[in-house]
Amino acid sequence: MDDLTGFQRDLLYVIAGADQPSGQDVKEEIEQYYSSEINHGRLYPNLDTIVNKELVEKGQLDRRKNYYAITGEGEQAIEKRHEWVSQYVD
């Protein structure tokens, strides 16, 4: 996870905390956190990056919608990151 951007980590956390969210679901959640609009040109390439790193899997809900789900590797990366951060922040 040390090679992810902060935005990619945030996407990973959102996906881990949801049950197979669509890209639009992820977008809405991340926009609330960032308090600004996230365009598709930023969102989907970053989702593709975490899929390509096998931290998230991408599947098809229907013809127009995909879902995203955390993988075991993604869960381990989050846990490892949490342990590291916990050394510095209570």
PDB file of N, CA and C in Angstrom:
ATOM      1  N   MET A   1       0.816  -1.180   0.000  1.00  0.00           N
ATOM      2  CA  MET A   1       0.000   0.000   0.000  1.00  0.00           C
ATOM      3  C   MET A   1       0.870   1.258   0.000  1.00  0.00           C
ATOM      4  N   ASP A   2       2.147   1.098   0.280  1.00  0.00           N
ATOM      5  CA  ASP A   2       3.029   2.256   0.345  1.00  0.00           C
ATOM      6  C   ASP A   2       3.240   2.916  -1.014  1.00  0.00           C
ATOM      7  N   ASP A   3       2.835   2.254  -2.082  1.00  0.00           N
ATOM      8  CA  ASP A   3       2.970   2.847  -3.413  1.00  0.00           C
ATOM      9  C   ASP A   3       1.662   3.458  -3.926  1.00  0.00           C
ATOM     10  N   LEU A   4       0.648   3.516  -3.077  1.00  0.00           N
ATOM     11  CA  LEU A   4      -0.614   4.143  -3.456  1.00  0.00           C
ATOM     12  C   LEU A   4      -0.599   5.618  -3.095  1.00  0.00           C
ATOM     13  N   THR A   5      -1.348   6.401  -3.847  1.00  0.00           N
ATOM     14  CA  THR A   5      -1.542   7.795  -3.468  1.00  0.00           C
ATOM     15  C   THR A   5      -2.545   7.836  -2.314  1.00  0.00           C
ATOM     16  N   GLY A   6      -2.638   8.965  -1.654  1.00  0.00           N
ATOM     17  CA  GLY A   6      -3.629   9.132  -0.596  1.00  0.00           C
ATOM     18  C   GLY A   6      -5.036   8.932  -1.121  1.00  0.00           C
ATOM     19  N   PHE A   7      -5.304   9.426  -2.324  1.00  0.00           N
ATOM     20  CA  PHE A   7      -6.621   9.273  -2.932  1.00  0.00           C
ATOM     21  C   PHE A   7      -6.936   7.795  -3.168  1.00  0.00           C
ATOM     22  N   GLN A   8      -5.968   7.039  -3.643  1.00  0.00           N
ATOM     23  CA  GLN A   8      -6.171   5.610  -3.880  1.00  0.00           C
ATOM     24  C   GLN A   8      -6.406   4.874  -2.570  1.00  0.00           C
ATOM     25  N   ARG A   9      -5.695   5.261  -1.512  1.00  0.00           N
ATOM     26  CA  ARG A   9      -5.936   4.651  -0.196  1.00  0.00           C
ATOM     27  C   ARG A   9      -7.350   4.960   0.277  1.00  0.00           C
ATOM     28  N   ASP A  10      -7.786   6.193   0.072  1.00  0.00           N
ATOM     29  CA  ASP A  10      -9.139   6.557   0.483  1.00  0.00           C
ATOM     30  C   ASP A  10     -10.178   5.736  -0.270  1.00  0.00           C
ATOM     31  N   LEU A  11      -9.956   5.519  -1.555  1.00  0.00           N
ATOM     32  CA  LEU A  11     -10.868   4.678  -2.337  1.00  0.00           C
ATOM     33  C   LEU A  11     -10.897   3.261  -1.766  1.00  0.00           C
ATOM     34  N   LEU A  12      -9.739   2.755  -1.429  1.00  0.00           N
ATOM     35  CA  LEU A  12      -9.633   1.403  -0.861  1.00  0.00           C
ATOM     36  C   LEU A  12     -10.416   1.306   0.447  1.00  0.00           C
ATOM     37  N   TYR A  13     -10.293   2.310   1.308  1.00  0.00           N
ATOM     38  CA  TYR A  13     -11.030   2.313   2.571  1.00  0.00           C
ATOM     39  C   TYR A  13     -12.536   2.364   2.344  1.00  0.00           C
ATOM     40  N   VAL A  14     -12.975   3.187   1.406  1.00  0.00           N
ATOM     41  CA  VAL A  14     -14.407   3.281   1.107  1.00  0.00           C
ATOM     42  C   VAL A  14     -14.934   1.932   0.627  1.00  0.00           C
ATOM     43  N   ILE A  15     -14.214   1.293  -0.260  1.00  0.00           N
ATOM     44  CA  ILE A  15     -14.644  -0.003  -0.795  1.00  0.00           C
ATOM     45  C   ILE A  15     -14.650  -1.057   0.307  1.00  0.00           C
ATOM     46  N   ALA A  16     -13.651  -1.025   1.176  1.00  0.00           N
ATOM     47  CA  ALA A  16     -13.585  -2.002   2.272  1.00  0.00           C
ATOM     48  C   ALA A  16     -14.753  -1.849   3.232  1.00  0.00           C
ATOM     49  N   GLY A  17     -15.264  -0.632   3.363  1.00  0.00           N
ATOM     50  CA  GLY A  17     -16.345  -0.372   4.303  1.00  0.00           C
ATOM     51  C   GLY A  17     -17.738  -0.527   3.720  1.00  0.00           C
ATOM     52  N   ALA A  18     -17.824  -0.951   2.480  1.00  0.00           N
ATOM     53  CA  ALA A  18     -19.125  -1.089   1.819  1.00  0.00           C
ATOM     54  C   ALA A  18     -19.281  -2.509   1.280  1.00  0.00           C
ATOM     55  N   ASP A  19     -20.495  -2.855   0.930  1.00  0.00           N
ATOM     56  CA  ASP A  19     -20.775  -4.173   0.377  1.00  0.00           C
ATOM     57  C   ASP A  19     -20.927  -4.062  -1.134  1.00  0.00           C
ATOM     58  N   GLN A  20     -19.847  -4.315  -1.824  1.00  0.00           N
ATOM     59  CA  GLN A  20     -19.794  -4.283  -3.289  1.00  0.00           C
ATOM     60  C   GLN A  20     -20.402  -3.007  -3.879  1.00  0.00           C
ATOM     61  N   PRO A  21     -19.809  -1.849  -3.527  1.00  0.00           N
ATOM     62  CA  PRO A  21     -20.345  -0.599  -4.054  1.00  0.00           C
ATOM     63  C   PRO A  21     -20.083  -0.461  -5.550  1.00  0.00           C
ATOM     64  N   SER A  22     -20.964   0.243  -6.226  1.00  0.00           N
ATOM     65  CA  SER A  22     -20.735   0.590  -7.626  1.00  0.00           C
ATOM     66  C   SER A  22     -19.740   1.749  -7.663  1.00  0.00           C
ATOM     67  N   GLY A  23     -19.232   2.051  -8.841  1.00  0.00           N
ATOM     68  CA  GLY A  23     -18.357   3.201  -8.991  1.00  0.00           C
ATOM     69  C   GLY A  23     -19.046   4.476  -8.546  1.00  0.00           C
ATOM     70  N   GLN A  24     -20.333   4.602  -8.860  1.00  0.00           N
ATOM     71  CA  GLN A  24     -21.091   5.785  -8.466  1.00  0.00           C
ATOM     72  C   GLN A  24     -21.221   5.868  -6.946  1.00  0.00           C
ATOM     73  N   ASP A  25     -21.421   4.726  -6.286  1.00  0.00           N
ATOM     74  CA  ASP A  25     -21.489   4.705  -4.821  1.00  0.00           C
ATOM     75  C   ASP A  25     -20.168   5.183  -4.216  1.00  0.00           C
ATOM     76  N   VAL A  26     -19.073   4.696  -4.766  1.00  0.00           N
ATOM     77  CA  VAL A  26     -17.749   5.096  -4.281  1.00  0.00           C
ATOM     78  C   VAL A  26     -17.563   6.592  -4.498  1.00  0.00           C
ATOM     79  N   LYS A  27     -17.937   7.063  -5.666  1.00  0.00           N
ATOM     80  CA  LYS A  27     -17.818   8.486  -6.011  1.00  0.00           C
ATOM     81  C   LYS A  27     -18.583   9.352  -5.015  1.00  0.00           C
ATOM     82  N   GLU A  28     -19.811   8.992  -4.725  1.00  0.00           N
ATOM     83  CA  GLU A  28     -20.632   9.771  -3.800  1.00  0.00           C
ATOM     84  C   GLU A  28     -20.023   9.808  -2.403  1.00  0.00           C
ATOM     85  N   GLU A  29     -19.529   8.679  -1.955  1.00  0.00           N
ATOM     86  CA  GLU A  29     -18.937   8.601  -0.616  1.00  0.00           C
ATOM     87  C   GLU A  29     -17.654   9.429  -0.538  1.00  0.00           C
ATOM     88  N   ILE A  30     -16.817   9.323  -1.546  1.00  0.00           N
ATOM     89  CA  ILE A  30     -15.536  10.037  -1.521  1.00  0.00           C
ATOM     90  C   ILE A  30     -15.759  11.543  -1.684  1.00  0.00           C
ATOM     91  N   GLU A  31     -16.799  11.927  -2.422  1.00  0.00           N
ATOM     92  CA  GLU A  31     -17.122  13.350  -2.567  1.00  0.00           C
ATOM     93  C   GLU A  31     -17.557  13.954  -1.235  1.00  0.00           C
ATOM     94  N   GLN A  32     -18.239  13.180  -0.417  1.00  0.00           N
ATOM     95  CA  GLN A  32     -18.630  13.669   0.913  1.00  0.00           C
ATOM     96  C   GLN A  32     -17.394  13.952   1.758  1.00  0.00           C
ATOM     97  N   TYR A  33     -16.438  13.042   1.697  1.00  0.00           N
ATOM     98  CA  TYR A  33     -15.220  13.202   2.489  1.00  0.00           C
ATOM     99  C   TYR A  33     -14.389  14.385   1.990  1.00  0.00           C
ATOM    100  N   TYR A  34     -14.239  14.491   0.683  1.00  0.00           N
ATOM    101  CA  TYR A  34     -13.409  15.541   0.094  1.00  0.00           C
ATOM    102  C   TYR A  34     -14.144  16.879  -0.020  1.00  0.00           C
ATOM    103  N   SER A  35     -15.444  16.863   0.207  1.00  0.00           N
ATOM    104  CA  SER A  35     -16.276  18.067   0.101  1.00  0.00           C
ATOM    105  C   SER A  35     -16.116  18.774  -1.238  1.00  0.00           C
ATOM    106  N   SER A  36     -15.937  17.985  -2.283  1.00  0.00           N
ATOM    107  CA  SER A  36     -15.849  18.531  -3.635  1.00  0.00           C
ATOM    108  C   SER A  36     -16.209  17.450  -4.638  1.00  0.00           C
ATOM    109  N   GLU A  37     -16.519  17.893  -5.849  1.00  0.00           N
ATOM    110  CA  GLU A  37     -16.888  16.951  -6.898  1.00  0.00           C
ATOM    111  C   GLU A  37     -15.643  16.239  -7.426  1.00  0.00           C
ATOM    112  N   ILE A  38     -15.756  14.944  -7.592  1.00  0.00           N
ATOM    113  CA  ILE A  38     -14.676  14.124  -8.159  1.00  0.00           C
ATOM    114  C   ILE A  38     -15.129  13.722  -9.554  1.00  0.00           C
ATOM    115  N   ASN A  39     -14.364  14.094 -10.563  1.00  0.00           N
ATOM    116  CA  ASN A  39     -14.786  13.767 -11.928  1.00  0.00           C
ATOM    117  C   ASN A  39     -14.380  12.337 -12.300  1.00  0.00           C
ATOM    118  N   HIS A  40     -15.025  11.832 -13.326  1.00  0.00           N
ATOM    119  CA  HIS A  40     -14.782  10.456 -13.773  1.00  0.00           C
ATOM    120  C   HIS A  40     -13.334  10.247 -14.196  1.00  0.00           C
ATOM    121  N   GLY A  41     -12.718  11.277 -14.764  1.00  0.00           N
ATOM    122  CA  GLY A  41     -11.333  11.182 -15.211  1.00  0.00           C
ATOM    123  C   GLY A  41     -10.343  10.999 -14.080  1.00  0.00           C
ATOM    124  N   ARG A  42     -10.750  11.345 -12.876  1.00  0.00           N
ATOM    125  CA  ARG A  42      -9.910  11.106 -11.706  1.00  0.00           C
ATOM    126  C   ARG A  42     -10.285   9.799 -11.027  1.00  0.00           C
ATOM    127  N   LEU A  43     -11.575   9.551 -10.918  1.00  0.00           N
ATOM    128  CA  LEU A  43     -12.060   8.397 -10.167  1.00  0.00           C
ATOM    129  C   LEU A  43     -11.682   7.061 -10.805  1.00  0.00           C
ATOM    130  N   TYR A  44     -12.094   6.860 -12.035  1.00  0.00           N
ATOM    131  CA  TYR A  44     -11.975   5.529 -12.629  1.00  0.00           C
ATOM    132  C   TYR A  44     -10.541   5.085 -12.916  1.00  0.00           C
ATOM    133  N   PRO A  45      -9.642   5.959 -13.350  1.00  0.00           N
ATOM    134  CA  PRO A  45      -8.252   5.500 -13.479  1.00  0.00           C
ATOM    135  C   PRO A  45      -7.647   5.075 -12.137  1.00  0.00           C
ATOM    136  N   ASN A  46      -8.032   5.765 -11.064  1.00  0.00           N
ATOM    137  CA  ASN A  46      -7.527   5.388  -9.745  1.00  0.00           C
ATOM    138  C   ASN A  46      -8.156   4.092  -9.246  1.00  0.00           C
ATOM    139  N   LEU A  47      -9.430   3.875  -9.545  1.00  0.00           N
ATOM    140  CA  LEU A  47     -10.044   2.582  -9.227  1.00  0.00           C
ATOM    141  C   LEU A  47      -9.346   1.472 -10.011  1.00  0.00           C
ATOM    142  N   ASP A  48      -9.057   1.719 -11.275  1.00  0.00           N
ATOM    143  CA  ASP A  48      -8.360   0.722 -12.091  1.00  0.00           C
ATOM    144  C   ASP A  48      -6.987   0.393 -11.508  1.00  0.00           C
ATOM    145  N   THR A  49      -6.307   1.383 -10.968  1.00  0.00           N
ATOM    146  CA  THR A  49      -4.989   1.144 -10.370  1.00  0.00           C
ATOM    147  C   THR A  49      -5.085   0.173  -9.199  1.00  0.00           C
ATOM    148  N   ILE A  50      -6.053   0.392  -8.306  1.00  0.00           N
ATOM    149  CA  ILE A  50      -6.134  -0.515  -7.155  1.00  0.00           C
ATOM    150  C   ILE A  50      -6.673  -1.890  -7.549  1.00  0.00           C
ATOM    151  N   VAL A  51      -7.426  -1.952  -8.649  1.00  0.00           N
ATOM    152  CA  VAL A  51      -7.834  -3.255  -9.190  1.00  0.00           C
ATOM    153  C   VAL A  51      -6.605  -3.966  -9.760  1.00  0.00           C
ATOM    154  N   ASN A  52      -5.794  -3.248 -10.538  1.00  0.00           N
ATOM    155  CA  ASN A  52      -4.596  -3.843 -11.146  1.00  0.00           C
ATOM    156  C   ASN A  52      -3.582  -4.304 -10.115  1.00  0.00           C
ATOM    157  N   LYS A  53      -3.578  -3.662  -8.957  1.00  0.00           N
ATOM    158  CA  LYS A  53      -2.684  -4.070  -7.866  1.00  0.00           C
ATOM    159  C   LYS A  53      -3.282  -5.205  -7.042  1.00  0.00           C
ATOM    160  N   GLU A  54      -4.464  -5.670  -7.459  1.00  0.00           N
ATOM    161  CA  GLU A  54      -5.161  -6.798  -6.845  1.00  0.00           C
ATOM    162  C   GLU A  54      -5.572  -6.549  -5.395  1.00  0.00           C
ATOM    163  N   LEU A  55      -5.769  -5.272  -5.062  1.00  0.00           N
ATOM    164  CA  LEU A  55      -6.270  -4.917  -3.739  1.00  0.00           C
ATOM    165  C   LEU A  55      -7.790  -4.904  -3.723  1.00  0.00           C
ATOM    166  N   VAL A  56      -8.365  -4.768  -4.915  1.00  0.00           N
ATOM    167  CA  VAL A  56      -9.808  -4.704  -5.115  1.00  0.00           C
ATOM    168  C   VAL A  56     -10.134  -5.532  -6.341  1.00  0.00           C
ATOM    169  N   GLU A  57     -11.292  -6.185  -6.319  1.00  0.00           N
ATOM    170  CA  GLU A  57     -11.761  -6.863  -7.521  1.00  0.00           C
ATOM    171  C   GLU A  57     -12.921  -6.080  -8.104  1.00  0.00           C
ATOM    172  N   LYS A  58     -13.040  -6.168  -9.399  1.00  0.00           N
ATOM    173  CA  LYS A  58     -14.093  -5.456 -10.121  1.00  0.00           C
ATOM    174  C   LYS A  58     -14.966  -6.491 -10.805  1.00  0.00           C
ATOM    175  N   GLY A  59     -16.262  -6.351 -10.636  1.00  0.00           N
ATOM    176  CA  GLY A  59     -17.208  -7.260 -11.269  1.00  0.00           C
ATOM    177  C   GLY A  59     -18.323  -6.459 -11.909  1.00  0.00           C
ATOM    178  N   GLN A  60     -19.214  -7.150 -12.564  1.00  0.00           N
ATOM    179  CA  GLN A  60     -20.293  -6.479 -13.273  1.00  0.00           C
ATOM    180  C   GLN A  60     -21.622  -6.697 -12.570  1.00  0.00           C
ATOM    181  N   LEU A  61     -22.300  -5.585 -12.236  1.00  0.00           N
ATOM    182  CA  LEU A  61     -23.639  -5.660 -11.655  1.00  0.00           C
ATOM    183  C   LEU A  61     -24.683  -5.833 -12.752  1.00  0.00           C
ATOM    184  N   ASP A  62     -24.542  -5.063 -13.787  1.00  0.00           N
ATOM    185  CA  ASP A  62     -25.396  -5.157 -14.972  1.00  0.00           C
ATOM    186  C   ASP A  62     -24.612  -4.587 -16.146  1.00  0.00           C
ATOM    187  N   ARG A  63     -25.268  -4.364 -17.257  1.00  0.00           N
ATOM    188  CA  ARG A  63     -24.556  -3.900 -18.456  1.00  0.00           C
ATOM    189  C   ARG A  63     -23.829  -2.579 -18.257  1.00  0.00           C
ATOM    190  N   ARG A  64     -24.340  -1.732 -17.391  1.00  0.00           N
ATOM    191  CA  ARG A  64     -23.782  -0.396 -17.245  1.00  0.00           C
ATOM    192  C   ARG A  64     -23.036  -0.172 -15.948  1.00  0.00           C
ATOM    193  N   LYS A  65     -23.200  -1.046 -14.977  1.00  0.00           N
ATOM    194  CA  LYS A  65     -22.609  -0.829 -13.653  1.00  0.00           C
ATOM    195  C   LYS A  65     -21.640  -1.939 -13.270  1.00  0.00           C
ATOM    196  N   ASN A  66     -20.538  -1.510 -12.712  1.00  0.00           N
ATOM    197  CA  ASN A  66     -19.587  -2.436 -12.118  1.00  0.00           C
ATOM    198  C   ASN A  66     -19.662  -2.316 -10.603  1.00  0.00           C
ATOM    199  N   TYR A  67     -19.230  -3.353  -9.926  1.00  0.00           N
ATOM    200  CA  TYR A  67     -19.076  -3.279  -8.479  1.00  0.00           C
ATOM    201  C   TYR A  67     -17.608  -3.459  -8.144  1.00  0.00           C
ATOM    202  N   TYR A  68     -17.260  -3.043  -6.948  1.00  0.00           N
ATOM    203  CA  TYR A  68     -15.898  -3.179  -6.457  1.00  0.00           C
ATOM    204  C   TYR A  68     -15.959  -3.871  -5.100  1.00  0.00           C
ATOM    205  N   ALA A  69     -15.016  -4.759  -4.846  1.00  0.00           N
ATOM    206  CA  ALA A  69     -14.981  -5.489  -3.581  1.00  0.00           C
ATOM    207  C   ALA A  69     -13.529  -5.647  -3.141  1.00  0.00           C
ATOM    208  N   ILE A  70     -13.313  -5.503  -1.866  1.00  0.00           N
ATOM    209  CA  ILE A  70     -11.973  -5.647  -1.311  1.00  0.00           C
ATOM    210  C   ILE A  70     -11.532  -7.101  -1.433  1.00  0.00           C
ATOM    211  N   THR A  71     -10.271  -7.322  -1.714  1.00  0.00           N
ATOM    212  CA  THR A  71      -9.716  -8.673  -1.772  1.00  0.00           C
ATOM    213  C   THR A  71      -9.024  -8.982  -0.449  1.00  0.00           C
ATOM    214  N   GLY A  72      -8.631 -10.216  -0.271  1.00  0.00           N
ATOM    215  CA  GLY A  72      -7.860 -10.579   0.915  1.00  0.00           C
ATOM    216  C   GLY A  72      -6.570  -9.788   0.984  1.00  0.00           C
ATOM    217  N   GLU A  73      -5.939  -9.606  -0.159  1.00  0.00           N
ATOM    218  CA  GLU A  73      -4.702  -8.824  -0.214  1.00  0.00           C
ATOM    219  C   GLU A  73      -4.970  -7.367   0.185  1.00  0.00           C
ATOM    220  N   GLY A  74      -6.113  -6.840  -0.247  1.00  0.00           N
ATOM    221  CA  GLY A  74      -6.495  -5.479   0.125  1.00  0.00           C
ATOM    222  C   GLY A  74      -6.725  -5.349   1.617  1.00  0.00           C
ATOM    223  N   GLU A  75      -7.395  -6.335   2.193  1.00  0.00           N
ATOM    224  CA  GLU A  75      -7.628  -6.327   3.645  1.00  0.00           C
ATOM    225  C   GLU A  75      -6.313  -6.370   4.410  1.00  0.00           C
ATOM    226  N   GLN A  76      -5.376  -7.205   3.941  1.00  0.00           N
ATOM    227  CA  GLN A  76      -4.074  -7.295   4.594  1.00  0.00           C
ATOM    228  C   GLN A  76      -3.315  -5.980   4.495  1.00  0.00           C
ATOM    229  N   ALA A  77      -3.412  -5.317   3.346  1.00  0.00           N
ATOM    230  CA  ALA A  77      -2.738  -4.032   3.158  1.00  0.00           C
ATOM    231  C   ALA A  77      -3.306  -2.986   4.112  1.00  0.00           C
ATOM    232  N   ILE A  78      -4.619  -2.976   4.284  1.00  0.00           N
ATOM    233  CA  ILE A  78      -5.250  -2.034   5.212  1.00  0.00           C
ATOM    234  C   ILE A  78      -4.812  -2.328   6.642  1.00  0.00           C
ATOM    235  N   GLU A  79      -4.794  -3.593   7.007  1.00  0.00           N
ATOM    236  CA  GLU A  79      -4.382  -3.976   8.357  1.00  0.00           C
ATOM    237  C   GLU A  79      -2.931  -3.577   8.622  1.00  0.00           C
ATOM    238  N   LYS A  80      -2.076  -3.844   7.658  1.00  0.00           N
ATOM    239  CA  LYS A  80      -0.663  -3.490   7.801  1.00  0.00           C
ATOM    240  C   LYS A  80      -0.501  -1.976   7.934  1.00  0.00           C
ATOM    241  N   ARG A  81      -1.244  -1.219   7.127  1.00  0.00           N
ATOM    242  CA  ARG A  81      -1.194   0.249   7.196  1.00  0.00           C
ATOM    243  C   ARG A  81      -1.688   0.733   8.557  1.00  0.00           C
ATOM    244  N   HIS A  82      -2.773   0.133   9.038  1.00  0.00           N
ATOM    245  CA  HIS A  82      -3.325   0.508  10.338  1.00  0.00           C
ATOM    246  C   HIS A  82      -2.303   0.267  11.458  1.00  0.00           C
ATOM    247  N   GLU A  83      -1.616  -0.861  11.415  1.00  0.00           N
ATOM    248  CA  GLU A  83      -0.595  -1.164  12.425  1.00  0.00           C
ATOM    249  C   GLU A  83       0.525  -0.131  12.378  1.00  0.00           C
ATOM    250  N   TRP A  84       0.938   0.248  11.187  1.00  0.00           N
ATOM    251  CA  TRP A  84       2.005   1.234  11.035  1.00  0.00           C
ATOM    252  C   TRP A  84       1.575   2.586  11.582  1.00  0.00           C
ATOM    253  N   VAL A  85       0.376   3.039  11.193  1.00  0.00           N
ATOM    254  CA  VAL A  85      -0.134   4.331  11.653  1.00  0.00           C
ATOM    255  C   VAL A  85      -0.303   4.330  13.166  1.00  0.00           C
ATOM    256  N   SER A  86      -0.742   3.218  13.724  1.00  0.00           N
ATOM    257  CA  SER A  86      -0.981   3.120  15.166  1.00  0.00           C
ATOM    258  C   SER A  86       0.277   3.338  15.991  1.00  0.00           C
ATOM    259  N   GLN A  87       1.442   3.126  15.400  1.00  0.00           N
ATOM    260  CA  GLN A  87       2.702   3.380  16.111  1.00  0.00           C
ATOM    261  C   GLN A  87       2.883   4.868  16.410  1.00  0.00           C
ATOM    262  N   TYR A  88       2.256   5.700  15.611  1.00  0.00           N
ATOM    263  CA  TYR A  88       2.492   7.141  15.688  1.00  0.00           C
ATOM    264  C   TYR A  88       1.295   7.939  16.188  1.00  0.00           C
ATOM    265  N   VAL A  89       0.104   7.348  16.037  1.00  0.00           N
ATOM    266  CA  VAL A  89      -1.115   8.043  16.404  1.00  0.00           C
ATOM    267  C   VAL A  89      -1.963   7.134  17.289  1.00  0.00           C
ATOM    268  N   ASP A  90      -2.408   7.641  18.406  1.00  0.00           N
ATOM    269  CA  ASP A  90      -3.280   6.846  19.281  1.00  0.00           C
ATOM    270  C   ASP A  90      -4.707   6.947  18.859  1.00  0.00           C
TER     271      ASP A  90
END
